[in-house]
Amino acid sequence: MISVKFVLILFIMMLMSFPFIPFLMHKWSLNRNNVFFALLIILMTIPFSIIASYSYERINNEDLYDSHDD
């Protein structure tokens, strides 16, 4: 099951990458290359969001274990 944090981080990453797409559209005329770059930017956010959510879960778990040791 996909966690809510994962979806939220993915959504934020996609919103962060979105301003680059109009910039590419403005710089060059609409062609196959431009669409490829826009899709590449969106696809590149997915692995970053997976890493971010995984590291966030690990940090939370470590804090939980530290509190139990005391």
PDB file of N, CA and C in Angstrom:
ATOM      1  N   MET A   1       0.846  -1.204   0.000  1.00  0.00           N
ATOM      2  CA  MET A   1       0.000   0.000   0.000  1.00  0.00           C
ATOM      3  C   MET A   1       0.885   1.259   0.000  1.00  0.00           C
ATOM      4  N   ILE A   2       0.549   2.187  -0.858  1.00  0.00           N
ATOM      5  CA  ILE A   2       1.317   3.438  -0.950  1.00  0.00           C
ATOM      6  C   ILE A   2       0.889   4.353   0.199  1.00  0.00           C
ATOM      7  N   SER A   3       1.868   4.845   0.935  1.00  0.00           N
ATOM      8  CA  SER A   3       1.563   5.698   2.089  1.00  0.00           C
ATOM      9  C   SER A   3       1.156   7.104   1.638  1.00  0.00           C
ATOM     10  N   VAL A   4       0.485   7.810   2.529  1.00  0.00           N
ATOM     11  CA  VAL A   4       0.032   9.180   2.244  1.00  0.00           C
ATOM     12  C   VAL A   4       1.233  10.108   2.085  1.00  0.00           C
ATOM     13  N   LYS A   5       2.278   9.890   2.916  1.00  0.00           N
ATOM     14  CA  LYS A   5       3.495  10.717   2.847  1.00  0.00           C
ATOM     15  C   LYS A   5       4.146  10.605   1.466  1.00  0.00           C
ATOM     16  N   PHE A   6       4.197   9.385   0.930  1.00  0.00           N
ATOM     17  CA  PHE A   6       4.791   9.153  -0.391  1.00  0.00           C
ATOM     18  C   PHE A   6       4.054   9.942  -1.468  1.00  0.00           C
ATOM     19  N   VAL A   7       2.726   9.871  -1.448  1.00  0.00           N
ATOM     20  CA  VAL A   7       1.908  10.586  -2.438  1.00  0.00           C
ATOM     21  C   VAL A   7       2.087  12.096  -2.289  1.00  0.00           C
ATOM     22  N   LEU A   8       2.123  12.569  -1.048  1.00  0.00           N
ATOM     23  CA  LEU A   8       2.290  13.998  -0.767  1.00  0.00           C
ATOM     24  C   LEU A   8       3.637  14.507  -1.281  1.00  0.00           C
ATOM     25  N   ILE A   9       4.709  13.758  -1.006  1.00  0.00           N
ATOM     26  CA  ILE A   9       6.052  14.138  -1.466  1.00  0.00           C
ATOM     27  C   ILE A   9       6.113  14.116  -2.992  1.00  0.00           C
ATOM     28  N   LEU A  10       5.517  13.093  -3.611  1.00  0.00           N
ATOM     29  CA  LEU A  10       5.484  12.986  -5.072  1.00  0.00           C
ATOM     30  C   LEU A  10       4.762  14.186  -5.681  1.00  0.00           C
ATOM     31  N   PHE A  11       3.642  14.566  -5.073  1.00  0.00           N
ATOM     32  CA  PHE A  11       2.852  15.707  -5.548  1.00  0.00           C
ATOM     33  C   PHE A  11       3.639  17.010  -5.440  1.00  0.00           C
ATOM     34  N   ILE A  12       4.335  17.197  -4.318  1.00  0.00           N
ATOM     35  CA  ILE A  12       5.159  18.396  -4.099  1.00  0.00           C
ATOM     36  C   ILE A  12       6.299  18.457  -5.121  1.00  0.00           C
ATOM     37  N   MET A  13       6.951  17.316  -5.357  1.00  0.00           N
ATOM     38  CA  MET A  13       8.052  17.251  -6.327  1.00  0.00           C
ATOM     39  C   MET A  13       7.560  17.595  -7.733  1.00  0.00           C
ATOM     40  N   MET A  14       6.385  17.101  -8.096  1.00  0.00           N
ATOM     41  CA  MET A  14       5.829  17.388  -9.420  1.00  0.00           C
ATOM     42  C   MET A  14       5.482  18.871  -9.548  1.00  0.00           C
ATOM     43  N   LEU A  15       4.957  19.468  -8.467  1.00  0.00           N
ATOM     44  CA  LEU A  15       4.661  20.906  -8.474  1.00  0.00           C
ATOM     45  C   LEU A  15       5.943  21.731  -8.600  1.00  0.00           C
ATOM     46  N   MET A  16       7.021  21.255  -7.957  1.00  0.00           N
ATOM     47  CA  MET A  16       8.311  21.951  -8.032  1.00  0.00           C
ATOM     48  C   MET A  16       8.893  21.894  -9.444  1.00  0.00           C
ATOM     49  N   SER A  17       8.680  20.777 -10.139  1.00  0.00           N
ATOM     50  CA  SER A  17       9.236  20.612 -11.487  1.00  0.00           C
ATOM     51  C   SER A  17       8.369  21.292 -12.551  1.00  0.00           C
ATOM     52  N   PHE A  18       7.111  21.579 -12.225  1.00  0.00           N
ATOM     53  CA  PHE A  18       6.165  22.123 -13.209  1.00  0.00           C
ATOM     54  C   PHE A  18       6.596  23.455 -13.832  1.00  0.00           C
ATOM     55  N   PRO A  19       7.168  24.421 -13.077  1.00  0.00           N
ATOM     56  CA  PRO A  19       7.592  25.682 -13.702  1.00  0.00           C
ATOM     57  C   PRO A  19       8.639  25.534 -14.807  1.00  0.00           C
ATOM     58  N   PHE A  20       9.396  24.438 -14.816  1.00  0.00           N
ATOM     59  CA  PHE A  20      10.398  24.227 -15.864  1.00  0.00           C
ATOM     60  C   PHE A  20       9.756  23.936 -17.216  1.00  0.00           C
ATOM     61  N   ILE A  21       8.558  23.364 -17.209  1.00  0.00           N
ATOM     62  CA  ILE A  21       7.906  22.964 -18.464  1.00  0.00           C
ATOM     63  C   ILE A  21       7.527  24.185 -19.307  1.00  0.00           C
ATOM     64  N   PRO A  22       6.840  25.201 -18.742  1.00  0.00           N
ATOM     65  CA  PRO A  22       6.575  26.411 -19.542  1.00  0.00           C
ATOM     66  C   PRO A  22       7.854  27.117 -19.998  1.00  0.00           C
ATOM     67  N   PHE A  23       8.902  27.046 -19.165  1.00  0.00           N
ATOM     68  CA  PHE A  23      10.193  27.633 -19.540  1.00  0.00           C
ATOM     69  C   PHE A  23      10.739  26.962 -20.798  1.00  0.00           C
ATOM     70  N   LEU A  24      10.669  25.632 -20.853  1.00  0.00           N
ATOM     71  CA  LEU A  24      11.118  24.895 -22.036  1.00  0.00           C
ATOM     72  C   LEU A  24      10.235  25.213 -23.242  1.00  0.00           C
ATOM     73  N   MET A  25       8.930  25.337 -23.012  1.00  0.00           N
ATOM     74  CA  MET A  25       7.983  25.649 -24.089  1.00  0.00           C
ATOM     75  C   MET A  25       8.285  27.036 -24.668  1.00  0.00           C
ATOM     76  N   HIS A  26       8.618  27.970 -23.786  1.00  0.00           N
ATOM     77  CA  HIS A  26       8.888  29.342 -24.204  1.00  0.00           C
ATOM     78  C   HIS A  26      10.214  29.433 -24.966  1.00  0.00           C
ATOM     79  N   LYS A  27      11.204  28.686 -24.510  1.00  0.00           N
ATOM     80  CA  LYS A  27      12.543  28.779 -25.084  1.00  0.00           C
ATOM     81  C   LYS A  27      12.593  28.204 -26.505  1.00  0.00           C
ATOM     82  N   TRP A  28      11.961  27.038 -26.697  1.00  0.00           N
ATOM     83  CA  TRP A  28      11.947  26.416 -28.016  1.00  0.00           C
ATOM     84  C   TRP A  28      10.516  26.250 -28.494  1.00  0.00           C
ATOM     85  N   SER A  29      10.367  26.120 -29.794  1.00  0.00           N
ATOM     86  CA  SER A  29       9.035  25.841 -30.334  1.00  0.00           C
ATOM     87  C   SER A  29       8.634  24.411 -29.955  1.00  0.00           C
ATOM     88  N   LEU A  30       7.339  24.167 -29.923  1.00  0.00           N
ATOM     89  CA  LEU A  30       6.820  22.854 -29.503  1.00  0.00           C
ATOM     90  C   LEU A  30       7.252  21.775 -30.500  1.00  0.00           C
ATOM     91  N   ASN A  31       8.082  20.871 -30.019  1.00  0.00           N
ATOM     92  CA  ASN A  31       8.516  19.751 -30.856  1.00  0.00           C
ATOM     93  C   ASN A  31       8.683  18.507 -29.978  1.00  0.00           C
ATOM     94  N   ARG A  32       9.091  17.417 -30.573  1.00  0.00           N
ATOM     95  CA  ARG A  32       9.210  16.149 -29.849  1.00  0.00           C
ATOM     96  C   ARG A  32      10.250  16.242 -28.730  1.00  0.00           C
ATOM     97  N   ASN A  33      11.327  16.967 -28.986  1.00  0.00           N
ATOM     98  CA  ASN A  33      12.406  17.128 -28.004  1.00  0.00           C
ATOM     99  C   ASN A  33      11.895  17.791 -26.729  1.00  0.00           C
ATOM    100  N   ASN A  34      11.084  18.824 -26.903  1.00  0.00           N
ATOM    101  CA  ASN A  34      10.543  19.584 -25.780  1.00  0.00           C
ATOM    102  C   ASN A  34       9.634  18.727 -24.906  1.00  0.00           C
ATOM    103  N   VAL A  35       8.756  17.946 -25.539  1.00  0.00           N
ATOM    104  CA  VAL A  35       7.846  17.055 -24.814  1.00  0.00           C
ATOM    105  C   VAL A  35       8.650  16.004 -24.061  1.00  0.00           C
ATOM    106  N   PHE A  36       9.709  15.504 -24.687  1.00  0.00           N
ATOM    107  CA  PHE A  36      10.590  14.515 -24.047  1.00  0.00           C
ATOM    108  C   PHE A  36      11.210  15.087 -22.778  1.00  0.00           C
ATOM    109  N   PHE A  37      11.702  16.323 -22.840  1.00  0.00           N
ATOM    110  CA  PHE A  37      12.312  16.964 -21.666  1.00  0.00           C
ATOM    111  C   PHE A  37      11.288  17.173 -20.551  1.00  0.00           C
ATOM    112  N   ALA A  38      10.078  17.583 -20.913  1.00  0.00           N
ATOM    113  CA  ALA A  38       9.012  17.795 -19.928  1.00  0.00           C
ATOM    114  C   ALA A  38       8.665  16.488 -19.214  1.00  0.00           C
ATOM    115  N   LEU A  39       8.535  15.412 -19.975  1.00  0.00           N
ATOM    116  CA  LEU A  39       8.245  14.097 -19.385  1.00  0.00           C
ATOM    117  C   LEU A  39       9.409  13.609 -18.536  1.00  0.00           C
ATOM    118  N   LEU A  40      10.633  13.868 -18.986  1.00  0.00           N
ATOM    119  CA  LEU A  40      11.830  13.452 -18.246  1.00  0.00           C
ATOM    120  C   LEU A  40      11.881  14.140 -16.882  1.00  0.00           C
ATOM    121  N   ILE A  41      11.564  15.430 -16.837  1.00  0.00           N
ATOM    122  CA  ILE A  41      11.556  16.171 -15.566  1.00  0.00           C
ATOM    123  C   ILE A  41      10.533  15.569 -14.608  1.00  0.00           C
ATOM    124  N   ILE A  42       9.336  15.257 -15.107  1.00  0.00           N
ATOM    125  CA  ILE A  42       8.291  14.667 -14.261  1.00  0.00           C
ATOM    126  C   ILE A  42       8.709  13.276 -13.782  1.00  0.00           C
ATOM    127  N   LEU A  43       9.267  12.461 -14.675  1.00  0.00           N
ATOM    128  CA  LEU A  43       9.689  11.102 -14.306  1.00  0.00           C
ATOM    129  C   LEU A  43      10.853  11.111 -13.318  1.00  0.00           C
ATOM    130  N   MET A  44      11.741  12.109 -13.417  1.00  0.00           N
ATOM    131  CA  MET A  44      12.891  12.194 -12.504  1.00  0.00           C
ATOM    132  C   MET A  44      12.470  12.475 -11.063  1.00  0.00           C
ATOM    133  N   THR A  45      11.280  13.043 -10.869  1.00  0.00           N
ATOM    134  CA  THR A  45      10.807  13.324  -9.505  1.00  0.00           C
ATOM    135  C   THR A  45      10.423  12.054  -8.754  1.00  0.00           C
ATOM    136  N   ILE A  46      10.067  10.989  -9.475  1.00  0.00           N
ATOM    137  CA  ILE A  46       9.585   9.758  -8.828  1.00  0.00           C
ATOM    138  C   ILE A  46      10.663   9.102  -7.966  1.00  0.00           C
ATOM    139  N   PRO A  47      11.887   8.817  -8.488  1.00  0.00           N
ATOM    140  CA  PRO A  47      12.909   8.221  -7.624  1.00  0.00           C
ATOM    141  C   PRO A  47      13.297   9.111  -6.446  1.00  0.00           C
ATOM    142  N   PHE A  48      13.327  10.434  -6.656  1.00  0.00           N
ATOM    143  CA  PHE A  48      13.657  11.350  -5.559  1.00  0.00           C
ATOM    144  C   PHE A  48      12.605  11.292  -4.458  1.00  0.00           C
ATOM    145  N   SER A  49      11.334  11.192  -4.852  1.00  0.00           N
ATOM    146  CA  SER A  49      10.260  11.110  -3.853  1.00  0.00           C
ATOM    147  C   SER A  49      10.306   9.788  -3.099  1.00  0.00           C
ATOM    148  N   ILE A  50      10.693   8.700  -3.780  1.00  0.00           N
ATOM    149  CA  ILE A  50      10.835   7.393  -3.118  1.00  0.00           C
ATOM    150  C   ILE A  50      11.953   7.462  -2.079  1.00  0.00           C
ATOM    151  N   ILE A  51      13.091   8.028  -2.460  1.00  0.00           N
ATOM    152  CA  ILE A  51      14.236   8.162  -1.541  1.00  0.00           C
ATOM    153  C   ILE A  51      13.854   9.045  -0.356  1.00  0.00           C
ATOM    154  N   ALA A  52      13.172  10.158  -0.634  1.00  0.00           N
ATOM    155  CA  ALA A  52      12.778  11.092   0.426  1.00  0.00           C
ATOM    156  C   ALA A  52      11.821  10.437   1.420  1.00  0.00           C
ATOM    157  N   SER A  53      10.831   9.703   0.920  1.00  0.00           N
ATOM    158  CA  SER A  53       9.864   9.050   1.814  1.00  0.00           C
ATOM    159  C   SER A  53      10.530   7.929   2.597  1.00  0.00           C
ATOM    160  N   TYR A  54      11.448   7.194   1.967  1.00  0.00           N
ATOM    161  CA  TYR A  54      12.154   6.098   2.641  1.00  0.00           C
ATOM    162  C   TYR A  54      13.037   6.631   3.769  1.00  0.00           C
ATOM    163  N   SER A  55      13.780   7.707   3.479  1.00  0.00           N
ATOM    164  CA  SER A  55      14.661   8.289   4.496  1.00  0.00           C
ATOM    165  C   SER A  55      13.841   8.906   5.625  1.00  0.00           C
ATOM    166  N   TYR A  56      12.693   9.488   5.294  1.00  0.00           N
ATOM    167  CA  TYR A  56      11.800  10.071   6.309  1.00  0.00           C
ATOM    168  C   TYR A  56      11.292   8.987   7.265  1.00  0.00           C
ATOM    169  N   GLU A  57      10.910   7.838   6.716  1.00  0.00           N
ATOM    170  CA  GLU A  57      10.453   6.701   7.537  1.00  0.00           C
ATOM    171  C   GLU A  57      11.583   6.205   8.429  1.00  0.00           C
ATOM    172  N   ARG A  58      12.794   6.110   7.899  1.00  0.00           N
ATOM    173  CA  ARG A  58      13.950   5.630   8.670  1.00  0.00           C
ATOM    174  C   ARG A  58      14.265   6.568   9.830  1.00  0.00           C
ATOM    175  N   ILE A  59      14.225   7.874   9.579  1.00  0.00           N
ATOM    176  CA  ILE A  59      14.509   8.867  10.626  1.00  0.00           C
ATOM    177  C   ILE A  59      13.463   8.750  11.739  1.00  0.00           C
ATOM    178  N   ASN A  60      12.203   8.620  11.359  1.00  0.00           N
ATOM    179  CA  ASN A  60      11.135   8.472  12.357  1.00  0.00           C
ATOM    180  C   ASN A  60      11.320   7.206  13.185  1.00  0.00           C
ATOM    181  N   ASN A  61      11.676   6.097  12.535  1.00  0.00           N
ATOM    182  CA  ASN A  61      11.871   4.829  13.241  1.00  0.00           C
ATOM    183  C   ASN A  61      13.056   4.908  14.198  1.00  0.00           C
ATOM    184  N   GLU A  62      14.143   5.548  13.777  1.00  0.00           N
ATOM    185  CA  GLU A  62      15.326   5.690  14.634  1.00  0.00           C
ATOM    186  C   GLU A  62      14.997   6.514  15.878  1.00  0.00           C
ATOM    187  N   ASP A  63      14.237   7.583  15.702  1.00  0.00           N
ATOM    188  CA  ASP A  63      13.819   8.408  16.846  1.00  0.00           C
ATOM    189  C   ASP A  63      12.967   7.588  17.814  1.00  0.00           C
ATOM    190  N   LEU A  64      12.115   6.737  17.260  1.00  0.00           N
ATOM    191  CA  LEU A  64      11.238   5.896  18.076  1.00  0.00           C
ATOM    192  C   LEU A  64      12.070   4.912  18.898  1.00  0.00           C
ATOM    193  N   TYR A  65      13.065   4.296  18.246  1.00  0.00           N
ATOM    194  CA  TYR A  65      13.920   3.324  18.946  1.00  0.00           C
ATOM    195  C   TYR A  65      14.759   4.011  20.027  1.00  0.00           C
ATOM    196  N   ASP A  66      15.255   5.202  19.735  1.00  0.00           N
ATOM    197  CA  ASP A  66      16.068   5.941  20.718  1.00  0.00           C
ATOM    198  C   ASP A  66      15.256   6.251  21.974  1.00  0.00           C
ATOM    199  N   SER A  67      13.991   6.602  21.796  1.00  0.00           N
ATOM    200  CA  SER A  67      13.150   6.938  22.951  1.00  0.00           C
ATOM    201  C   SER A  67      12.879   5.689  23.803  1.00  0.00           C
ATOM    202  N   HIS A  68      12.817   4.509  23.175  1.00  0.00           N
ATOM    203  CA  HIS A  68      12.596   3.264  23.926  1.00  0.00           C
ATOM    204  C   HIS A  68      13.830   2.859  24.730  1.00  0.00           C
ATOM    205  N   ASP A  69      15.023   3.191  24.232  1.00  0.00           N
ATOM    206  CA  ASP A  69      16.267   2.817  24.930  1.00  0.00           C
ATOM    207  C   ASP A  69      16.426   3.562  26.251  1.00  0.00           C
ATOM    208  N   ASP A  70      15.930   4.792  26.329  1.00  0.00           N
ATOM    209  CA  ASP A  70      16.101   5.607  27.554  1.00  0.00           C
ATOM    210  C   ASP A  70      15.332   5.047  28.746  1.00  0.00           C
TER     211      ASP A  70
END
